[in-house]
């Protein structure tokens, strides 16, 4: 496939059933996306994430 902007070579990447084409020459990414309908969850605070990490590490087999 050829890039619609520069005619360069396209690479196709797939993630979770979706595909995107990226031009190796100019970096153009042809990925349609609607920002209006996106709902983001509240981010996890760093202190909670670090605590969860240490708890998981302590409960892992072979950890002393």
PDB file of N, CA and C in Angstrom:
ATOM      1  N   UNK A   1       0.842  -1.188   0.000  1.00  0.00           N
ATOM      2  CA  UNK A   1       0.000   0.000   0.000  1.00  0.00           C
ATOM      3  C   UNK A   1       0.877   1.238   0.000  1.00  0.00           C
ATOM      4  N   UNK A   2       0.317   2.326  -0.523  1.00  0.00           N
ATOM      5  CA  UNK A   2       1.046   3.587  -0.572  1.00  0.00           C
ATOM      6  C   UNK A   2       0.360   4.633   0.303  1.00  0.00           C
ATOM      7  N   UNK A   3       1.158   5.496   0.912  1.00  0.00           N
ATOM      8  CA  UNK A   3       0.671   6.590   1.741  1.00  0.00           C
ATOM      9  C   UNK A   3      -0.113   7.587   0.886  1.00  0.00           C
ATOM     10  N   UNK A   4      -1.263   8.023   1.397  1.00  0.00           N
ATOM     11  CA  UNK A   4      -2.080   8.998   0.660  1.00  0.00           C
ATOM     12  C   UNK A   4      -1.454  10.388   0.663  1.00  0.00           C
ATOM     13  N   UNK A   5      -0.473  10.622   1.538  1.00  0.00           N
ATOM     14  CA  UNK A   5       0.172  11.944   1.594  1.00  0.00           C
ATOM     15  C   UNK A   5       1.437  12.015   0.758  1.00  0.00           C
ATOM     16  N   UNK A   6       2.341  11.015   0.931  1.00  0.00           N
ATOM     17  CA  UNK A   6       3.638  11.122   0.268  1.00  0.00           C
ATOM     18  C   UNK A   6       3.941   9.973  -0.689  1.00  0.00           C
ATOM     19  N   UNK A   7       3.087   8.958  -0.719  1.00  0.00           N
ATOM     20  CA  UNK A   7       3.331   7.813  -1.597  1.00  0.00           C
ATOM     21  C   UNK A   7       4.302   6.805  -1.018  1.00  0.00           C
ATOM     22  N   UNK A   8       4.701   6.999   0.248  1.00  0.00           N
ATOM     23  CA  UNK A   8       5.647   6.089   0.903  1.00  0.00           C
ATOM     24  C   UNK A   8       5.007   4.764   1.284  1.00  0.00           C
ATOM     25  N   UNK A   9       5.816   3.889   1.854  1.00  0.00           N
ATOM     26  CA  UNK A   9       5.393   2.544   2.232  1.00  0.00           C
ATOM     27  C   UNK A   9       4.620   2.579   3.550  1.00  0.00           C
ATOM     28  N   UNK A  10       3.476   1.889   3.604  1.00  0.00           N
ATOM     29  CA  UNK A  10       2.657   1.817   4.809  1.00  0.00           C
ATOM     30  C   UNK A  10       2.877   0.511   5.550  1.00  0.00           C
ATOM     31  N   UNK A  11       2.901   0.602   6.865  1.00  0.00           N
ATOM     32  CA  UNK A  11       2.905  -0.559   7.751  1.00  0.00           C
ATOM     33  C   UNK A  11       1.547  -0.596   8.420  1.00  0.00           C
ATOM     34  N   UNK A  12       0.997  -1.784   8.616  1.00  0.00           N
ATOM     35  CA  UNK A  12      -0.291  -1.925   9.275  1.00  0.00           C
ATOM     36  C   UNK A  12      -0.077  -2.502  10.665  1.00  0.00           C
ATOM     37  N   UNK A  13      -0.643  -1.857  11.665  1.00  0.00           N
ATOM     38  CA  UNK A  13      -0.577  -2.307  13.048  1.00  0.00           C
ATOM     39  C   UNK A  13      -1.988  -2.657  13.507  1.00  0.00           C
ATOM     40  N   UNK A  14      -2.096  -3.731  14.286  1.00  0.00           N
ATOM     41  CA  UNK A  14      -3.400  -4.162  14.790  1.00  0.00           C
ATOM     42  C   UNK A  14      -3.360  -4.231  16.305  1.00  0.00           C
ATOM     43  N   UNK A  15      -4.477  -3.816  16.940  1.00  0.00           N
ATOM     44  CA  UNK A  15      -4.604  -3.867  18.392  1.00  0.00           C
ATOM     45  C   UNK A  15      -6.076  -4.003  18.742  1.00  0.00           C
ATOM     46  N   UNK A  16      -6.410  -5.037  19.493  1.00  0.00           N
ATOM     47  CA  UNK A  16      -7.790  -5.260  19.941  1.00  0.00           C
ATOM     48  C   UNK A  16      -8.803  -5.218  18.805  1.00  0.00           C
ATOM     49  N   UNK A  17      -8.463  -5.822  17.685  1.00  0.00           N
ATOM     50  CA  UNK A  17      -9.393  -5.899  16.565  1.00  0.00           C
ATOM     51  C   UNK A  17      -9.437  -4.681  15.670  1.00  0.00           C
ATOM     52  N   UNK A  18      -8.679  -3.644  15.979  1.00  0.00           N
ATOM     53  CA  UNK A  18      -8.617  -2.455  15.136  1.00  0.00           C
ATOM     54  C   UNK A  18      -7.278  -2.407  14.434  1.00  0.00           C
ATOM     55  N   UNK A  19      -7.263  -1.826  13.240  1.00  0.00           N
ATOM     56  CA  UNK A  19      -6.023  -1.691  12.488  1.00  0.00           C
ATOM     57  C   UNK A  19      -5.766  -0.236  12.160  1.00  0.00           C
ATOM     58  N   UNK A  20      -4.489   0.127  12.079  1.00  0.00           N
ATOM     59  CA  UNK A  20      -4.092   1.476  11.683  1.00  0.00           C
ATOM     60  C   UNK A  20      -2.911   1.353  10.728  1.00  0.00           C
ATOM     61  N   UNK A  21      -2.904   2.194   9.700  1.00  0.00           N
ATOM     62  CA  UNK A  21      -1.797   2.220   8.754  1.00  0.00           C
ATOM     63  C   UNK A  21      -0.910   3.411   9.078  1.00  0.00           C
ATOM     64  N   UNK A  22       0.397   3.168   9.113  1.00  0.00           N
ATOM     65  CA  UNK A  22       1.368   4.210   9.440  1.00  0.00           C
ATOM     66  C   UNK A  22       2.404   4.273   8.326  1.00  0.00           C
ATOM     67  N   UNK A  23       2.676   5.468   7.829  1.00  0.00           N
ATOM     68  CA  UNK A  23       3.678   5.651   6.791  1.00  0.00           C
ATOM     69  C   UNK A  23       5.068   5.669   7.421  1.00  0.00           C
ATOM     70  N   UNK A  24       5.953   4.832   6.922  1.00  0.00           N
ATOM     71  CA  UNK A  24       7.320   4.785   7.445  1.00  0.00           C
ATOM     72  C   UNK A  24       8.127   6.006   7.032  1.00  0.00           C
ATOM     73  N   UNK A  25       7.713   6.691   5.966  1.00  0.00           N
ATOM     74  CA  UNK A  25       8.476   7.837   5.468  1.00  0.00           C
ATOM     75  C   UNK A  25       8.090   9.162   6.120  1.00  0.00           C
ATOM     76  N   UNK A  26       6.767   9.470   6.154  1.00  0.00           N
ATOM     77  CA  UNK A  26       6.359  10.778   6.668  1.00  0.00           C
ATOM     78  C   UNK A  26       5.696  10.701   8.042  1.00  0.00           C
ATOM     79  N   UNK A  27       5.387   9.473   8.527  1.00  0.00           N
ATOM     80  CA  UNK A  27       4.804   9.322   9.846  1.00  0.00           C
ATOM     81  C   UNK A  27       3.304   9.504   9.902  1.00  0.00           C
ATOM     82  N   UNK A  28       2.651   9.689   8.752  1.00  0.00           N
ATOM     83  CA  UNK A  28       1.199   9.863   8.723  1.00  0.00           C
ATOM     84  C   UNK A  28       0.505   8.625   9.270  1.00  0.00           C
ATOM     85  N   UNK A  29      -0.483   8.837  10.149  1.00  0.00           N
ATOM     86  CA  UNK A  29      -1.263   7.751  10.726  1.00  0.00           C
ATOM     87  C   UNK A  29      -2.714   7.971  10.334  1.00  0.00           C
ATOM     88  N   UNK A  30      -3.294   7.005   9.666  1.00  0.00           N
ATOM     89  CA  UNK A  30      -4.677   7.107   9.216  1.00  0.00           C
ATOM     90  C   UNK A  30      -5.579   6.396  10.212  1.00  0.00           C
ATOM     91  N   UNK A  31      -5.858   7.056  11.339  1.00  0.00           N
ATOM     92  CA  UNK A  31      -6.680   6.448  12.377  1.00  0.00           C
ATOM     93  C   UNK A  31      -7.824   7.381  12.726  1.00  0.00           C
ATOM     94  N   UNK A  32      -9.023   7.102  12.198  1.00  0.00           N
ATOM     95  CA  UNK A  32     -10.166   7.933  12.569  1.00  0.00           C
ATOM     96  C   UNK A  32     -10.531   7.722  14.035  1.00  0.00           C
ATOM     97  N   UNK A  33     -10.859   8.813  14.738  1.00  0.00           N
ATOM     98  CA  UNK A  33     -11.173   8.709  16.162  1.00  0.00           C
ATOM     99  C   UNK A  33     -12.090   9.845  16.558  1.00  0.00           C
ATOM    100  N   UNK A  34     -13.119   9.529  17.311  1.00  0.00           N
ATOM    101  CA  UNK A  34     -14.062  10.538  17.794  1.00  0.00           C
ATOM    102  C   UNK A  34     -13.767  10.820  19.258  1.00  0.00           C
ATOM    103  N   UNK A  35     -13.394  12.038  19.601  1.00  0.00           N
ATOM    104  CA  UNK A  35     -13.088  12.397  20.979  1.00  0.00           C
ATOM    105  C   UNK A  35     -14.334  12.732  21.798  1.00  0.00           C
ATOM    106  N   UNK A  36     -15.420  13.085  21.133  1.00  0.00           N
ATOM    107  CA  UNK A  36     -16.618  13.531  21.830  1.00  0.00           C
ATOM    108  C   UNK A  36     -17.288  12.440  22.663  1.00  0.00           C
ATOM    109  N   UNK A  37     -17.239  11.187  22.206  1.00  0.00           N
ATOM    110  CA  UNK A  37     -17.950  10.103  22.878  1.00  0.00           C
ATOM    111  C   UNK A  37     -17.084   9.325  23.868  1.00  0.00           C
ATOM    112  N   UNK A  38     -15.871   9.770  24.128  1.00  0.00           N
ATOM    113  CA  UNK A  38     -14.953   9.037  24.996  1.00  0.00           C
ATOM    114  C   UNK A  38     -15.180   9.428  26.448  1.00  0.00           C
ATOM    115  N   UNK A  39     -15.339   8.420  27.292  1.00  0.00           N
ATOM    116  CA  UNK A  39     -15.449   8.665  28.726  1.00  0.00           C
ATOM    117  C   UNK A  39     -14.253   8.026  29.413  1.00  0.00           C
ATOM    118  N   UNK A  40     -13.512   8.810  30.165  1.00  0.00           N
ATOM    119  CA  UNK A  40     -12.331   8.316  30.852  1.00  0.00           C
ATOM    120  C   UNK A  40     -12.662   8.036  32.310  1.00  0.00           C
ATOM    121  N   UNK A  41     -12.103   6.944  32.827  1.00  0.00           N
ATOM    122  CA  UNK A  41     -12.254   6.640  34.242  1.00  0.00           C
ATOM    123  C   UNK A  41     -11.304   7.529  35.034  1.00  0.00           C
ATOM    124  N   UNK A  42     -11.616   7.716  36.329  1.00  0.00           N
ATOM    125  CA  UNK A  42     -10.707   8.472  37.179  1.00  0.00           C
ATOM    126  C   UNK A  42      -9.396   7.707  37.291  1.00  0.00           C
ATOM    127  N   UNK A  43      -8.266   8.380  37.119  1.00  0.00           N
ATOM    128  CA  UNK A  43      -6.987   7.683  37.209  1.00  0.00           C
ATOM    129  C   UNK A  43      -6.706   7.221  38.635  1.00  0.00           C
ATOM    130  N   UNK A  44      -5.972   6.137  38.739  1.00  0.00           N
ATOM    131  CA  UNK A  44      -5.583   5.605  40.042  1.00  0.00           C
ATOM    132  C   UNK A  44      -4.456   6.475  40.607  1.00  0.00           C
ATOM    133  N   UNK A  45      -4.558   6.890  41.867  1.00  0.00           N
ATOM    134  CA  UNK A  45      -3.472   7.684  42.454  1.00  0.00           C
ATOM    135  C   UNK A  45      -2.174   6.861  42.533  1.00  0.00           C
ATOM    136  N   UNK A  46      -1.042   7.542  42.424  1.00  0.00           N
ATOM    137  CA  UNK A  46       0.257   6.849  42.491  1.00  0.00           C
ATOM    138  C   UNK A  46       0.410   6.077  43.795  1.00  0.00           C
ATOM    139  N   UNK A  47      -0.023   6.648  44.887  1.00  0.00           N
ATOM    140  CA  UNK A  47       0.147   5.968  46.174  1.00  0.00           C
ATOM    141  C   UNK A  47      -0.601   4.636  46.196  1.00  0.00           C
ATOM    142  N   UNK A  48      -1.774   4.580  45.611  1.00  0.00           N
ATOM    143  CA  UNK A  48      -2.541   3.338  45.552  1.00  0.00           C
ATOM    144  C   UNK A  48      -1.869   2.331  44.630  1.00  0.00           C
ATOM    145  N   UNK A  49      -1.376   2.783  43.497  1.00  0.00           N
ATOM    146  CA  UNK A  49      -0.710   1.892  42.550  1.00  0.00           C
ATOM    147  C   UNK A  49       0.558   1.293  43.156  1.00  0.00           C
ATOM    148  N   UNK A  50       1.341   2.112  43.851  1.00  0.00           N
ATOM    149  CA  UNK A  50       2.581   1.621  44.465  1.00  0.00           C
ATOM    150  C   UNK A  50       2.267   0.635  45.578  1.00  0.00           C
ATOM    151  N   UNK A  51       1.245   0.932  46.376  1.00  0.00           N
ATOM    152  CA  UNK A  51       0.836   0.015  47.440  1.00  0.00           C
ATOM    153  C   UNK A  51       0.393  -1.325  46.848  1.00  0.00           C
ATOM    154  N   UNK A  52      -0.393  -1.295  45.766  1.00  0.00           N
ATOM    155  CA  UNK A  52      -0.843  -2.518  45.103  1.00  0.00           C
ATOM    156  C   UNK A  52       0.347  -3.315  44.577  1.00  0.00           C
ATOM    157  N   UNK A  53       1.338  -2.626  44.014  1.00  0.00           N
ATOM    158  CA  UNK A  53       2.547  -3.279  43.514  1.00  0.00           C
ATOM    159  C   UNK A  53       3.266  -4.029  44.633  1.00  0.00           C
ATOM    160  N   UNK A  54       3.484  -3.357  45.773  1.00  0.00           N
ATOM    161  CA  UNK A  54       4.201  -3.993  46.881  1.00  0.00           C
ATOM    162  C   UNK A  54       3.408  -5.156  47.474  1.00  0.00           C
ATOM    163  N   UNK A  55       2.090  -5.012  47.566  1.00  0.00           N
ATOM    164  CA  UNK A  55       1.267  -6.116  48.085  1.00  0.00           C
ATOM    165  C   UNK A  55       1.358  -7.330  47.165  1.00  0.00           C
ATOM    166  N   UNK A  56       1.322  -7.101  45.869  1.00  0.00           N
ATOM    167  CA  UNK A  56       1.415  -8.206  44.915  1.00  0.00           C
ATOM    168  C   UNK A  56       2.790  -8.851  44.980  1.00  0.00           C
ATOM    169  N   UNK A  57       3.808  -8.040  45.123  1.00  0.00           N
ATOM    170  CA  UNK A  57       5.187  -8.547  45.193  1.00  0.00           C
ATOM    171  C   UNK A  57       5.381  -9.393  46.444  1.00  0.00           C
ATOM    172  N   UNK A  58       4.835  -8.959  47.589  1.00  0.00           N
ATOM    173  CA  UNK A  58       4.966  -9.696  48.828  1.00  0.00           C
ATOM    174  C   UNK A  58       4.234 -11.025  48.788  1.00  0.00           C
ATOM    175  N   UNK A  59       3.151 -11.106  48.051  1.00  0.00           N
ATOM    176  CA  UNK A  59       2.385 -12.345  48.001  1.00  0.00           C
ATOM    177  C   UNK A  59       2.871 -13.285  46.909  1.00  0.00           C
ATOM    178  N   UNK A  60       3.847 -12.870  46.101  1.00  0.00           N
ATOM    179  CA  UNK A  60       4.357 -13.730  45.019  1.00  0.00           C
ATOM    180  C   UNK A  60       5.198 -14.862  45.618  1.00  0.00           C
ATOM    181  N   UNK A  61       5.079 -16.076  45.034  1.00  0.00           N
ATOM    182  CA  UNK A  61       5.883 -17.206  45.507  1.00  0.00           C
ATOM    183  C   UNK A  61       7.373 -16.930  45.350  1.00  0.00           C
ATOM    184  N   UNK A  62       8.152 -17.365  46.307  1.00  0.00           N
ATOM    185  CA  UNK A  62       9.610 -17.210  46.257  1.00  0.00           C
ATOM    186  C   UNK A  62      10.113 -15.869  46.739  1.00  0.00           C
ATOM    187  N   UNK A  63       9.241 -14.978  47.166  1.00  0.00           N
ATOM    188  CA  UNK A  63       9.657 -13.665  47.669  1.00  0.00           C
ATOM    189  C   UNK A  63       9.778 -13.742  49.179  1.00  0.00           C
ATOM    190  N   UNK A  64      10.837 -13.223  49.699  1.00  0.00           N
ATOM    191  CA  UNK A  64      11.045 -13.226  51.151  1.00  0.00           C
ATOM    192  C   UNK A  64      11.176 -11.827  51.677  1.00  0.00           C
TER     193      UNK A  64
END
